[in-house]
């Protein structure tokens, strides 16, 4: 295996693994209040473009990392859309008076 491939796999593993805590926390708590819909929409689109670029270049490390990252980013995006009504409703409720 080439050094460039090893670096590609390492970079892909680290950047993809960085998404796992957000996916897990959001799945577990259903709290999406700190997630920006605009940011995750742009981010997910960017990952899809990187995946297409990797496919075009036939670069396996890029395809694998961005394929998994796309699934994880889509999961966060779907949870943001699914749970945002709950988030919006909670933010509109008046605070309890002591």
C-alpha atoms as a PDB file:
ATOM      1  CA  UNK A   1       0.000   0.000   0.000  1.00  0.00           C
ATOM      2  CA  UNK A   2       1.276   3.447  -0.923  1.00  0.00           C
ATOM      3  CA  UNK A   3       1.978   6.025   1.773  1.00  0.00           C
ATOM      4  CA  UNK A   4      -0.528   8.365   0.111  1.00  0.00           C
ATOM      5  CA  UNK A   5      -3.229   5.694   0.419  1.00  0.00           C
ATOM      6  CA  UNK A   6      -2.359   5.132   4.081  1.00  0.00           C
ATOM      7  CA  UNK A   7      -2.644   8.867   4.728  1.00  0.00           C
ATOM      8  CA  UNK A   8      -5.946   8.923   2.862  1.00  0.00           C
ATOM      9  CA  UNK A   9      -7.369   6.086   4.941  1.00  0.00           C
ATOM     10  CA  UNK A  10      -6.125   7.679   8.169  1.00  0.00           C
ATOM     11  CA  UNK A  11      -7.571  11.093   7.295  1.00  0.00           C
ATOM     12  CA  UNK A  12     -10.842   9.512   6.199  1.00  0.00           C
ATOM     13  CA  UNK A  13     -11.118   7.436   9.355  1.00  0.00           C
ATOM     14  CA  UNK A  14     -10.467  10.392  11.643  1.00  0.00           C
ATOM     15  CA  UNK A  15     -12.792  12.832   9.899  1.00  0.00           C
ATOM     16  CA  UNK A  16     -15.549  10.236   9.601  1.00  0.00           C
ATOM     17  CA  UNK A  17     -15.158   9.183  13.236  1.00  0.00           C
ATOM     18  CA  UNK A  18     -15.578  12.829  14.244  1.00  0.00           C
ATOM     19  CA  UNK A  19     -19.232  12.622  13.165  1.00  0.00           C
ATOM     20  CA  UNK A  20     -20.077   9.614  15.346  1.00  0.00           C
ATOM     21  CA  UNK A  21     -20.435  11.450  18.705  1.00  0.00           C
ATOM     22  CA  UNK A  22     -22.936  13.918  17.212  1.00  0.00           C
ATOM     23  CA  UNK A  23     -24.977  11.132  15.626  1.00  0.00           C
ATOM     24  CA  UNK A  24     -24.989   9.123  18.858  1.00  0.00           C
ATOM     25  CA  UNK A  25     -25.844  12.084  21.108  1.00  0.00           C
ATOM     26  CA  UNK A  26     -28.647  13.270  18.850  1.00  0.00           C
ATOM     27  CA  UNK A  27     -30.062   9.758  18.514  1.00  0.00           C
ATOM     28  CA  UNK A  28     -29.948   9.213  22.263  1.00  0.00           C
ATOM     29  CA  UNK A  29     -31.294  12.596  23.444  1.00  0.00           C
ATOM     30  CA  UNK A  30     -33.434  13.683  20.468  1.00  0.00           C
ATOM     31  CA  UNK A  31     -32.141  17.196  21.252  1.00  0.00           C
ATOM     32  CA  UNK A  32     -31.418  19.091  18.037  1.00  0.00           C
ATOM     33  CA  UNK A  33     -31.450  22.598  19.493  1.00  0.00           C
ATOM     34  CA  UNK A  34     -27.708  23.097  18.978  1.00  0.00           C
ATOM     35  CA  UNK A  35     -27.645  21.832  15.393  1.00  0.00           C
ATOM     36  CA  UNK A  36     -27.798  24.318  12.543  1.00  0.00           C
ATOM     37  CA  UNK A  37     -30.041  23.084   9.734  1.00  0.00           C
ATOM     38  CA  UNK A  38     -28.344  25.403   7.241  1.00  0.00           C
ATOM     39  CA  UNK A  39     -24.848  24.260   8.244  1.00  0.00           C
ATOM     40  CA  UNK A  40     -25.697  20.552   8.097  1.00  0.00           C
ATOM     41  CA  UNK A  41     -27.471  20.973   4.751  1.00  0.00           C
ATOM     42  CA  UNK A  42     -24.418  22.643   3.221  1.00  0.00           C
ATOM     43  CA  UNK A  43     -22.057  20.182   4.931  1.00  0.00           C
ATOM     44  CA  UNK A  44     -23.999  17.139   3.697  1.00  0.00           C
ATOM     45  CA  UNK A  45     -24.094  18.522   0.162  1.00  0.00           C
ATOM     46  CA  UNK A  46     -20.339  19.093   0.326  1.00  0.00           C
ATOM     47  CA  UNK A  47     -19.740  15.507   1.418  1.00  0.00           C
ATOM     48  CA  UNK A  48     -21.887  14.262  -1.476  1.00  0.00           C
ATOM     49  CA  UNK A  49     -19.784  16.316  -3.895  1.00  0.00           C
ATOM     50  CA  UNK A  50     -16.564  14.942  -2.355  1.00  0.00           C
ATOM     51  CA  UNK A  51     -17.960  11.430  -2.778  1.00  0.00           C
ATOM     52  CA  UNK A  52     -18.760  12.109  -6.432  1.00  0.00           C
ATOM     53  CA  UNK A  53     -15.255  13.519  -6.900  1.00  0.00           C
ATOM     54  CA  UNK A  54     -13.723  10.410  -5.320  1.00  0.00           C
ATOM     55  CA  UNK A  55     -15.804   8.179  -7.588  1.00  0.00           C
ATOM     56  CA  UNK A  56     -14.736  10.220 -10.614  1.00  0.00           C
ATOM     57  CA  UNK A  57     -11.058   9.836  -9.627  1.00  0.00           C
ATOM     58  CA  UNK A  58     -11.534   6.188  -8.583  1.00  0.00           C
ATOM     59  CA  UNK A  59      -9.884   6.968  -5.245  1.00  0.00           C
ATOM     60  CA  UNK A  60     -10.974   4.246  -2.839  1.00  0.00           C
ATOM     61  CA  UNK A  61      -9.994   6.048   0.400  1.00  0.00           C
ATOM     62  CA  UNK A  62     -11.957   9.130  -0.652  1.00  0.00           C
ATOM     63  CA  UNK A  63     -14.962   7.072  -1.724  1.00  0.00           C
ATOM     64  CA  UNK A  64     -15.050   5.032   1.474  1.00  0.00           C
ATOM     65  CA  UNK A  65     -14.589   7.942   3.873  1.00  0.00           C
ATOM     66  CA  UNK A  66     -17.091  10.182   2.152  1.00  0.00           C
ATOM     67  CA  UNK A  67     -19.587   7.364   1.669  1.00  0.00           C
ATOM     68  CA  UNK A  68     -19.669   6.634   5.398  1.00  0.00           C
ATOM     69  CA  UNK A  69     -19.542  10.352   6.252  1.00  0.00           C
ATOM     70  CA  UNK A  70     -22.495  10.980   3.963  1.00  0.00           C
ATOM     71  CA  UNK A  71     -24.566   8.349   5.769  1.00  0.00           C
ATOM     72  CA  UNK A  72     -23.675   9.831   9.171  1.00  0.00           C
ATOM     73  CA  UNK A  73     -24.293  13.436   8.093  1.00  0.00           C
ATOM     74  CA  UNK A  74     -27.614  12.441   6.527  1.00  0.00           C
ATOM     75  CA  UNK A  75     -28.573  10.762   9.801  1.00  0.00           C
ATOM     76  CA  UNK A  76     -27.989  14.011  11.707  1.00  0.00           C
ATOM     77  CA  UNK A  77     -29.846  15.993   9.054  1.00  0.00           C
ATOM     78  CA  UNK A  78     -32.834  13.630   9.154  1.00  0.00           C
ATOM     79  CA  UNK A  79     -32.929  13.774  12.956  1.00  0.00           C
ATOM     80  CA  UNK A  80     -32.768  17.575  12.840  1.00  0.00           C
ATOM     81  CA  UNK A  81     -35.763  17.644  10.508  1.00  0.00           C
ATOM     82  CA  UNK A  82     -37.651  14.990  12.454  1.00  0.00           C
ATOM     83  CA  UNK A  83     -37.128  16.394  15.940  1.00  0.00           C
ATOM     84  CA  UNK A  84     -37.139  20.124  15.169  1.00  0.00           C
ATOM     85  CA  UNK A  85     -40.873  20.489  15.856  1.00  0.00           C
ATOM     86  CA  UNK A  86     -40.276  19.265  19.382  1.00  0.00           C
ATOM     87  CA  UNK A  87     -37.317  21.652  19.617  1.00  0.00           C
ATOM     88  CA  UNK A  88     -39.335  24.612  18.277  1.00  0.00           C
ATOM     89  CA  UNK A  89     -42.273  23.927  20.590  1.00  0.00           C
ATOM     90  CA  UNK A  90     -40.008  23.739  23.634  1.00  0.00           C
ATOM     91  CA  UNK A  91     -38.323  27.037  22.789  1.00  0.00           C
ATOM     92  CA  UNK A  92     -41.699  28.823  22.550  1.00  0.00           C
ATOM     93  CA  UNK A  93     -42.982  27.676  25.935  1.00  0.00           C
ATOM     94  CA  UNK A  94     -42.785  30.372  28.622  1.00  0.00           C
ATOM     95  CA  UNK A  95     -40.408  29.779  31.479  1.00  0.00           C
ATOM     96  CA  UNK A  96     -41.981  28.595  34.709  1.00  0.00           C
ATOM     97  CA  UNK A  97     -42.302  31.274  37.357  1.00  0.00           C
ATOM     98  CA  UNK A  98     -40.836  30.617  40.752  1.00  0.00           C
END
